[in-house]
C-alpha atoms as a PDB file:
ATOM      1  CA  MET A   1      11.779 -24.239  17.509  1.00  0.00           C
ATOM      2  CA  ILE A   2       9.493 -23.622  20.458  1.00  0.00           C
ATOM      3  CA  PRO A   3       7.095 -26.583  20.950  1.00  0.00           C
ATOM      4  CA  ASP A   4       3.640 -26.088  19.412  1.00  0.00           C
ATOM      5  CA  SER A   5       4.718 -22.939  17.568  1.00  0.00           C
ATOM      6  CA  ALA A   6       3.891 -22.647  13.872  1.00  0.00           C
ATOM      7  CA  PHE A   7       6.070 -19.620  13.350  1.00  0.00           C
ATOM      8  CA  ALA A   8       9.128 -18.470  15.267  1.00  0.00           C
ATOM      9  CA  LEU A   9      11.429 -15.485  14.909  1.00  0.00           C
ATOM     10  CA  GLN A  10      14.771 -15.596  16.683  1.00  0.00           C
ATOM     11  CA  GLY A  11      16.904 -12.479  17.054  1.00  0.00           C
ATOM     12  CA  LEU A  12      15.843 -10.830  13.784  1.00  0.00           C
ATOM     13  CA  VAL A  13      17.797  -7.670  13.011  1.00  0.00           C
ATOM     14  CA  LYS A  14      17.582  -5.289  10.073  1.00  0.00           C
ATOM     15  CA  ARG A  15      19.430  -1.997   9.540  1.00  0.00           C
ATOM     16  CA  PHE A  16      19.042   0.575   6.809  1.00  0.00           C
ATOM     17  CA  ASP A  17      22.224   2.657   6.871  1.00  0.00           C
ATOM     18  CA  THR A  18      22.355   3.931  10.459  1.00  0.00           C
ATOM     19  CA  LYS A  19      18.669   3.229  11.159  1.00  0.00           C
ATOM     20  CA  VAL A  20      17.934   0.042  13.098  1.00  0.00           C
ATOM     21  CA  ALA A  21      14.468  -0.899  11.804  1.00  0.00           C
ATOM     22  CA  VAL A  22      14.217  -4.255  13.594  1.00  0.00           C
ATOM     23  CA  ASP A  23      16.258  -4.726  16.737  1.00  0.00           C
ATOM     24  CA  GLY A  24      16.561  -8.372  17.801  1.00  0.00           C
ATOM     25  CA  VAL A  25      12.953  -9.524  17.498  1.00  0.00           C
ATOM     26  CA  ASP A  26      12.037 -12.832  19.173  1.00  0.00           C
ATOM     27  CA  LEU A  27       8.504 -14.089  18.644  1.00  0.00           C
ATOM     28  CA  ALA A  28       6.725 -17.444  18.796  1.00  0.00           C
ATOM     29  CA  VAL A  29       3.279 -17.835  17.234  1.00  0.00           C
ATOM     30  CA  PRO A  30       1.339 -20.818  18.650  1.00  0.00           C
ATOM     31  CA  ALA A  31      -0.037 -23.305  16.130  1.00  0.00           C
ATOM     32  CA  GLY A  32      -3.757 -22.790  15.547  1.00  0.00           C
ATOM     33  CA  SER A  33      -3.720 -19.221  16.819  1.00  0.00           C
ATOM     34  CA  PHE A  34      -5.093 -16.019  15.337  1.00  0.00           C
ATOM     35  CA  PHE A  35      -2.164 -13.715  16.038  1.00  0.00           C
ATOM     36  CA  GLY A  36      -2.195  -9.934  15.683  1.00  0.00           C
ATOM     37  CA  LEU A  37       1.005  -7.904  15.297  1.00  0.00           C
ATOM     38  CA  LEU A  38       0.351  -4.322  16.336  1.00  0.00           C
ATOM     39  CA  GLY A  39       2.444  -1.189  16.339  1.00  0.00           C
ATOM     40  CA  PRO A  40       2.496   2.463  15.252  1.00  0.00           C
ATOM     41  CA  ASN A  41       3.757   3.547  11.839  1.00  0.00           C
ATOM     42  CA  GLY A  42       7.486   2.916  11.616  1.00  0.00           C
ATOM     43  CA  ALA A  43       7.507   0.305  14.372  1.00  0.00           C
ATOM     44  CA  GLY A  44       9.077  -2.304  12.088  1.00  0.00           C
ATOM     45  CA  LYS A  45       6.078  -4.571  11.481  1.00  0.00           C
ATOM     46  CA  THR A  46       6.335  -4.752   7.682  1.00  0.00           C
ATOM     47  CA  THR A  47      10.121  -5.146   7.791  1.00  0.00           C
ATOM     48  CA  THR A  48       9.784  -7.965  10.319  1.00  0.00           C
ATOM     49  CA  LEU A  49       7.165  -9.843   8.313  1.00  0.00           C
ATOM     50  CA  SER A  50       9.101  -9.332   5.074  1.00  0.00           C
ATOM     51  CA  MET A  51      12.166 -10.970   6.630  1.00  0.00           C
ATOM     52  CA  ALA A  52      10.039 -13.709   8.154  1.00  0.00           C
ATOM     53  CA  VAL A  53       8.647 -14.872   4.804  1.00  0.00           C
ATOM     54  CA  GLY A  54      11.785 -14.521   2.691  1.00  0.00           C
ATOM     55  CA  LEU A  55      11.141 -11.203   0.966  1.00  0.00           C
ATOM     56  CA  LEU A  56      13.898  -9.277   2.759  1.00  0.00           C
ATOM     57  CA  ARG A  57      17.153 -10.794   3.988  1.00  0.00           C
ATOM     58  CA  PRO A  58      17.838 -10.114   7.678  1.00  0.00           C
ATOM     59  CA  ASP A  59      21.183  -8.855   8.911  1.00  0.00           C
ATOM     60  CA  ALA A  60      20.977 -11.376  11.744  1.00  0.00           C
ATOM     61  CA  GLY A  61      18.581 -13.926  13.191  1.00  0.00           C
ATOM     62  CA  ARG A  62      16.352 -16.723  11.930  1.00  0.00           C
ATOM     63  CA  ALA A  63      12.741 -17.251  10.873  1.00  0.00           C
ATOM     64  CA  LEU A  64      11.244 -20.733  11.238  1.00  0.00           C
ATOM     65  CA  VAL A  65       8.028 -21.982   9.657  1.00  0.00           C
ATOM     66  CA  LEU A  66       6.827 -25.274  11.143  1.00  0.00           C
ATOM     67  CA  GLY A  67      10.439 -26.087  11.927  1.00  0.00           C
ATOM     68  CA  HIS A  68      11.886 -25.075   8.537  1.00  0.00           C
ATOM     69  CA  ASP A  69      14.315 -22.179   8.285  1.00  0.00           C
ATOM     70  CA  VAL A  70      12.999 -19.663   5.763  1.00  0.00           C
ATOM     71  CA  TRP A  71      16.483 -18.666   4.619  1.00  0.00           C
ATOM     72  CA  ARG A  72      18.262 -22.037   4.793  1.00  0.00           C
ATOM     73  CA  ASP A  73      15.422 -24.127   3.357  1.00  0.00           C
ATOM     74  CA  PRO A  74      13.343 -21.557   1.448  1.00  0.00           C
ATOM     75  CA  VAL A  75      11.587 -23.917  -0.959  1.00  0.00           C
ATOM     76  CA  ARG A  76      10.153 -26.118   1.796  1.00  0.00           C
ATOM     77  CA  ALA A  77       9.376 -23.240   4.147  1.00  0.00           C
ATOM     78  CA  LYS A  78       7.612 -21.174   1.492  1.00  0.00           C
ATOM     79  CA  SER A  79       5.525 -24.160   0.396  1.00  0.00           C
ATOM     80  CA  LEU A  80       3.930 -24.138   3.869  1.00  0.00           C
ATOM     81  CA  ILE A  81       2.979 -20.464   4.011  1.00  0.00           C
ATOM     82  CA  GLY A  82       0.614 -18.158   2.223  1.00  0.00           C
ATOM     83  CA  VAL A  83       1.720 -14.532   2.103  1.00  0.00           C
ATOM     84  CA  MET A  84      -0.185 -11.330   1.479  1.00  0.00           C
ATOM     85  CA  PRO A  85       2.415  -8.523   1.516  1.00  0.00           C
ATOM     86  CA  ASP A  86       1.403  -4.903   1.827  1.00  0.00           C
ATOM     87  CA  GLY A  87       2.245  -2.742  -1.175  1.00  0.00           C
ATOM     88  CA  VAL A  88       3.732  -5.511  -3.338  1.00  0.00           C
ATOM     89  CA  ARG A  89       2.232  -5.409  -6.825  1.00  0.00           C
ATOM     90  CA  LEU A  90       0.349  -8.357  -8.227  1.00  0.00           C
ATOM     91  CA  PHE A  91       0.499  -9.438 -11.856  1.00  0.00           C
ATOM     92  CA  ASP A  92      -2.297  -6.957 -12.367  1.00  0.00           C
ATOM     93  CA  ARG A  93      -2.532  -7.074 -16.160  1.00  0.00           C
ATOM     94  CA  LEU A  94      -4.280 -10.441 -15.731  1.00  0.00           C
ATOM     95  CA  ASP A  95      -7.870 -10.975 -14.692  1.00  0.00           C
ATOM     96  CA  GLY A  96      -8.656 -12.798 -11.448  1.00  0.00           C
ATOM     97  CA  THR A  97      -8.905 -16.272 -12.983  1.00  0.00           C
ATOM     98  CA  GLU A  98      -5.682 -15.810 -14.931  1.00  0.00           C
ATOM     99  CA  LEU A  99      -3.822 -14.489 -11.909  1.00  0.00           C
ATOM    100  CA  LEU A 100      -4.835 -17.397  -9.681  1.00  0.00           C
ATOM    101  CA  THR A 101      -4.124 -19.935 -12.421  1.00  0.00           C
ATOM    102  CA  TYR A 102      -0.672 -18.471 -12.974  1.00  0.00           C
ATOM    103  CA  GLN A 103      -0.058 -18.529  -9.222  1.00  0.00           C
ATOM    104  CA  GLY A 104      -0.993 -22.204  -9.080  1.00  0.00           C
ATOM    105  CA  LEU A 105       1.219 -23.119 -12.035  1.00  0.00           C
ATOM    106  CA  LEU A 106       4.176 -21.306 -10.438  1.00  0.00           C
ATOM    107  CA  ARG A 107       3.668 -23.499  -7.378  1.00  0.00           C
ATOM    108  CA  GLY A 108       3.585 -26.662  -9.476  1.00  0.00           C
ATOM    109  CA  MET A 109      -0.037 -27.520  -8.749  1.00  0.00           C
ATOM    110  CA  ALA A 110      -1.993 -29.862 -10.995  1.00  0.00           C
ATOM    111  CA  PRO A 111      -4.167 -27.981 -13.539  1.00  0.00           C
ATOM    112  CA  ASP A 112      -7.397 -29.724 -12.488  1.00  0.00           C
ATOM    113  CA  VAL A 113      -6.762 -28.860  -8.840  1.00  0.00           C
ATOM    114  CA  ILE A 114      -6.050 -25.257  -9.809  1.00  0.00           C
ATOM    115  CA  ASP A 115      -9.279 -24.989 -11.816  1.00  0.00           C
ATOM    116  CA  ALA A 116     -11.420 -26.347  -8.986  1.00  0.00           C
ATOM    117  CA  ARG A 117      -9.846 -24.151  -6.327  1.00  0.00           C
ATOM    118  CA  VAL A 118      -9.902 -21.009  -8.459  1.00  0.00           C
ATOM    119  CA  THR A 119     -13.620 -21.409  -9.117  1.00  0.00           C
ATOM    120  CA  GLU A 120     -14.339 -21.947  -5.434  1.00  0.00           C
ATOM    121  CA  LEU A 121     -12.162 -19.081  -4.209  1.00  0.00           C
ATOM    122  CA  LEU A 122     -13.631 -16.577  -6.656  1.00  0.00           C
ATOM    123  CA  ASP A 123     -17.123 -17.636  -5.628  1.00  0.00           C
ATOM    124  CA  VAL A 124     -16.489 -17.457  -1.875  1.00  0.00           C
ATOM    125  CA  LEU A 125     -14.778 -14.080  -2.216  1.00  0.00           C
ATOM    126  CA  ALA A 126     -17.555 -12.686  -4.439  1.00  0.00           C
ATOM    127  CA  LEU A 127     -15.164 -12.067  -7.336  1.00  0.00           C
ATOM    128  CA  THR A 128     -16.811 -14.275  -9.940  1.00  0.00           C
ATOM    129  CA  ASP A 129     -18.787 -11.367 -11.383  1.00  0.00           C
ATOM    130  CA  ALA A 130     -15.543  -9.493 -12.062  1.00  0.00           C
ATOM    131  CA  GLY A 131     -15.265 -11.749 -15.120  1.00  0.00           C
ATOM    132  CA  ARG A 132     -12.595 -10.495 -17.508  1.00  0.00           C
ATOM    133  CA  THR A 133     -11.855  -7.355 -15.518  1.00  0.00           C
ATOM    134  CA  LEU A 134      -8.118  -6.886 -15.104  1.00  0.00           C
ATOM    135  CA  VAL A 135      -6.806  -6.853 -11.537  1.00  0.00           C
ATOM    136  CA  ILE A 136      -5.371  -3.370 -12.131  1.00  0.00           C
ATOM    137  CA  ASP A 137      -8.967  -2.135 -12.460  1.00  0.00           C
ATOM    138  CA  TYR A 138     -10.154  -3.816  -9.240  1.00  0.00           C
ATOM    139  CA  SER A 139     -11.214  -1.712  -6.252  1.00  0.00           C
ATOM    140  CA  ALA A 140      -8.989  -1.700  -3.161  1.00  0.00           C
ATOM    141  CA  GLY A 141     -11.223  -4.270  -1.477  1.00  0.00           C
ATOM    142  CA  MET A 142     -11.212  -6.539  -4.519  1.00  0.00           C
ATOM    143  CA  LYS A 143      -7.414  -6.386  -4.695  1.00  0.00           C
ATOM    144  CA  LYS A 144      -7.176  -7.423  -1.058  1.00  0.00           C
ATOM    145  CA  LYS A 145      -9.506 -10.343  -1.715  1.00  0.00           C
ATOM    146  CA  ILE A 146      -7.673 -11.577  -4.823  1.00  0.00           C
ATOM    147  CA  ALA A 147      -4.370 -11.284  -2.944  1.00  0.00           C
ATOM    148  CA  LEU A 148      -5.863 -13.388  -0.149  1.00  0.00           C
ATOM    149  CA  ALA A 149      -7.038 -15.920  -2.740  1.00  0.00           C
ATOM    150  CA  CYS A 150      -3.459 -16.150  -4.045  1.00  0.00           C
ATOM    151  CA  ALA A 151      -2.234 -16.786  -0.510  1.00  0.00           C
ATOM    152  CA  LEU A 152      -4.836 -19.513   0.090  1.00  0.00           C
ATOM    153  CA  LEU A 153      -4.675 -21.301  -3.259  1.00  0.00           C
ATOM    154  CA  HIS A 154      -2.089 -23.943  -2.313  1.00  0.00           C
ATOM    155  CA  ALA A 155      -3.771 -24.698   1.057  1.00  0.00           C
ATOM    156  CA  PRO A 156      -0.928 -23.513   3.337  1.00  0.00           C
ATOM    157  CA  ARG A 157      -0.914 -24.215   7.062  1.00  0.00           C
ATOM    158  CA  LEU A 158       0.232 -20.690   7.921  1.00  0.00           C
ATOM    159  CA  LEU A 159      -0.949 -17.332   6.599  1.00  0.00           C
ATOM    160  CA  VAL A 160       1.188 -14.207   6.997  1.00  0.00           C
ATOM    161  CA  LEU A 161      -0.809 -11.114   6.096  1.00  0.00           C
ATOM    162  CA  ASP A 162       0.414  -7.516   6.173  1.00  0.00           C
ATOM    163  CA  GLU A 163      -2.434  -5.051   6.777  1.00  0.00           C
ATOM    164  CA  PRO A 164      -5.196  -7.238   5.251  1.00  0.00           C
ATOM    165  CA  PHE A 165      -7.958  -4.843   6.364  1.00  0.00           C
ATOM    166  CA  GLU A 166      -6.381  -1.551   5.297  1.00  0.00           C
ATOM    167  CA  ALA A 167      -8.473   0.440   2.774  1.00  0.00           C
ATOM    168  CA  VAL A 168     -11.103  -2.301   2.703  1.00  0.00           C
ATOM    169  CA  ASP A 169     -14.829  -1.546   2.655  1.00  0.00           C
ATOM    170  CA  PRO A 170     -17.053  -3.142   5.355  1.00  0.00           C
ATOM    171  CA  VAL A 171     -18.451  -5.823   3.036  1.00  0.00           C
ATOM    172  CA  SER A 172     -15.024  -6.944   1.820  1.00  0.00           C
ATOM    173  CA  GLY A 173     -13.681  -6.760   5.360  1.00  0.00           C
ATOM    174  CA  ALA A 174     -16.468  -9.001   6.619  1.00  0.00           C
ATOM    175  CA  ALA A 175     -15.778 -11.545   3.863  1.00  0.00           C
ATOM    176  CA  ILE A 176     -12.063 -11.608   4.713  1.00  0.00           C
ATOM    177  CA  ARG A 177     -12.799 -11.991   8.437  1.00  0.00           C
ATOM    178  CA  ASP A 178     -15.178 -14.897   7.799  1.00  0.00           C
ATOM    179  CA  ILE A 179     -12.654 -16.757   5.645  1.00  0.00           C
ATOM    180  CA  LEU A 180      -9.811 -16.267   8.102  1.00  0.00           C
ATOM    181  CA  THR A 181     -11.987 -17.365  11.020  1.00  0.00           C
ATOM    182  CA  ARG A 182     -12.926 -20.556   9.176  1.00  0.00           C
ATOM    183  CA  TYR A 183      -9.298 -21.124   8.241  1.00  0.00           C
ATOM    184  CA  VAL A 184      -8.181 -20.975  11.880  1.00  0.00           C
ATOM    185  CA  ALA A 185     -11.126 -23.141  12.992  1.00  0.00           C
ATOM    186  CA  GLY A 186      -9.887 -25.745  10.488  1.00  0.00           C
ATOM    187  CA  GLY A 187      -6.466 -25.880  12.130  1.00  0.00           C
ATOM    188  CA  GLY A 188      -4.602 -23.133  10.273  1.00  0.00           C
ATOM    189  CA  THR A 189      -2.533 -20.373  11.858  1.00  0.00           C
ATOM    190  CA  VAL A 190      -2.815 -16.690  10.958  1.00  0.00           C
ATOM    191  CA  ILE A 191      -0.433 -13.876  11.822  1.00  0.00           C
ATOM    192  CA  PHE A 192      -1.352 -10.431  10.553  1.00  0.00           C
ATOM    193  CA  SER A 193      -0.345  -6.847  11.137  1.00  0.00           C
ATOM    194  CA  SER A 194      -2.997  -4.203  11.548  1.00  0.00           C
ATOM    195  CA  HIS A 195      -3.786  -0.720  12.815  1.00  0.00           C
ATOM    196  CA  VAL A 196      -7.466  -1.615  13.267  1.00  0.00           C
ATOM    197  CA  LEU A 197      -7.568  -2.462  16.966  1.00  0.00           C
ATOM    198  CA  GLU A 198     -11.271  -3.299  16.944  1.00  0.00           C
ATOM    199  CA  VAL A 199     -10.702  -6.035  14.363  1.00  0.00           C
ATOM    200  CA  VAL A 200      -7.721  -7.415  16.278  1.00  0.00           C
ATOM    201  CA  GLU A 201      -9.690  -7.429  19.519  1.00  0.00           C
ATOM    202  CA  ARG A 202     -12.587  -9.220  17.841  1.00  0.00           C
ATOM    203  CA  LEU A 203     -10.566 -11.852  15.986  1.00  0.00           C
ATOM    204  CA  CYS A 204      -7.273 -12.545  17.723  1.00  0.00           C
ATOM    205  CA  THR A 205      -6.405 -15.099  20.372  1.00  0.00           C
ATOM    206  CA  HIS A 206      -2.869 -13.715  20.764  1.00  0.00           C
ATOM    207  CA  VAL A 207      -1.232 -10.360  20.107  1.00  0.00           C
ATOM    208  CA  ALA A 208       2.186  -8.724  20.109  1.00  0.00           C
ATOM    209  CA  ILE A 209       2.801  -4.992  20.304  1.00  0.00           C
ATOM    210  CA  MET A 210       5.864  -3.674  18.499  1.00  0.00           C
ATOM    211  CA  ALA A 211       7.536  -0.313  19.003  1.00  0.00           C
ATOM    212  CA  ASN A 212      10.895   1.052  17.869  1.00  0.00           C
ATOM    213  CA  GLY A 213      11.857  -2.213  16.229  1.00  0.00           C
ATOM    214  CA  ARG A 214      11.262  -4.358  19.305  1.00  0.00           C
ATOM    215  CA  ILE A 215       8.468  -6.492  20.721  1.00  0.00           C
ATOM    216  CA  SER A 216       7.239  -4.555  23.750  1.00  0.00           C
ATOM    217  CA  ALA A 217       4.386  -6.835  24.825  1.00  0.00           C
ATOM    218  CA  VAL A 218       3.260 -10.309  23.765  1.00  0.00           C
ATOM    219  CA  GLY A 219       0.871 -12.983  24.967  1.00  0.00           C
ATOM    220  CA  SER A 220      -2.744 -14.042  24.810  1.00  0.00           C
ATOM    221  CA  LEU A 221      -5.236 -11.252  24.154  1.00  0.00           C
ATOM    222  CA  ASP A 222      -6.338 -11.248  27.798  1.00  0.00           C
ATOM    223  CA  GLU A 223      -2.746 -11.195  29.058  1.00  0.00           C
ATOM    224  CA  VAL A 224      -1.828  -8.191  26.951  1.00  0.00           C
ATOM    225  CA  ARG A 225      -5.028  -6.303  27.743  1.00  0.00           C
ATOM    226  CA  ALA A 226      -4.681  -7.003  31.495  1.00  0.00           C
ATOM    227  CA  GLY A 227      -8.245  -5.898  32.218  1.00  0.00           C
ATOM    228  CA  ARG A 228      -8.106  -2.876  29.875  1.00  0.00           C
ATOM    229  CA  THR A 229      -9.307  -2.318  26.340  1.00  0.00           C
ATOM    230  CA  LEU A 230      -6.754  -3.218  23.699  1.00  0.00           C
ATOM    231  CA  GLU A 231      -6.516   0.456  22.748  1.00  0.00           C
ATOM    232  CA  ASP A 232      -5.603   1.439  26.296  1.00  0.00           C
ATOM    233  CA  ALA A 233      -3.064  -1.375  26.504  1.00  0.00           C
ATOM    234  CA  PHE A 234      -1.581  -0.337  23.165  1.00  0.00           C
ATOM    235  CA  VAL A 235      -1.233   3.319  24.172  1.00  0.00           C
ATOM    236  CA  ALA A 236       0.254   2.351  27.549  1.00  0.00           C
ATOM    237  CA  VAL A 237       2.907   0.213  25.850  1.00  0.00           C
ATOM    238  CA  VAL A 238       3.672   2.503  22.913  1.00  0.00           C
ATOM    239  CA  GLY A 239       3.103   5.877  24.552  1.00  0.00           C
ATOM    240  CA  GLY A 240       2.546   9.097  22.651  1.00  0.00           C
ATOM    241  CA  ARG A 241      -0.987  10.031  23.705  1.00  0.00           C
ATOM    242  CA  VAL A 242      -1.311  13.799  23.357  1.00  0.00           C
ATOM    243  CA  SER A 243      -2.863  15.857  26.126  1.00  0.00           C
ATOM    244  CA  THR A 244      -5.954  17.742  25.011  1.00  0.00           C
ATOM    245  CA  GLY A 245      -5.884  20.259  27.840  1.00  0.00           C
ATOM    246  CA  SER A 246      -4.620  23.548  26.435  1.00  0.00           C
ATOM    247  CA  GLU A 247      -3.527  22.504  22.935  1.00  0.00           C
ATOM    248  CA  LEU A 248      -5.680  23.649  20.026  1.00  0.00           C
ATOM    249  CA  SER A 249      -7.885  25.706  22.325  1.00  0.00           C
ATOM    250  CA  TRP A 250      -8.909  27.735  19.291  1.00  0.00           C
ATOM    251  CA  LEU A 251     -10.907  24.742  18.033  1.00  0.00           C
END
């Protein structure tokens, strides 16, 4: 484990048939950082994070959470992290209160602690008025917020969030940003994947850029930008910018 790192990936590899989705990823996330994982579609971000939190078994490599191996000591490691996967269904035939209560009971939390935290989370995330509405009937932004509430309920020291701002309206996005900023200010560590470079540039202290299953650039935000905008740094690392000279001249 690298000193002062809350989250470390060491040589993670994942293949799907002949496709190498993640190709020996090494990454250390400093404790107390707001860390953005960037990359184009198909770069391997979701696969990497899924292996890192115990949702997908790697073919090789290790994932460490505050010194605990996610695959060798999963109970302890998972007790320290809150996870918001992208595209994984919630128990959406429950309403928000029921979902959070069930989540707390699964984690072995005391009922009185669950009740207090559920009330506070629903209030802070502006979900109290949803009342008895089932999660399946929530808007995209509401689903992101209730998923974040599930990740926060047990007060983890590390949050791993896959595309937390995707398909989120500006109001919900602002609420999520405020909560995550307060969480990091209180000593927590956040790592999240995103395509929204403006949000990453505004929030993150550190970033990594992933392409073709590998980490192509990593460091503090200023180190990775190197005097450029994050978008320019991203395009320079990933490549693929299309010339607009003669193409589509009919437009």
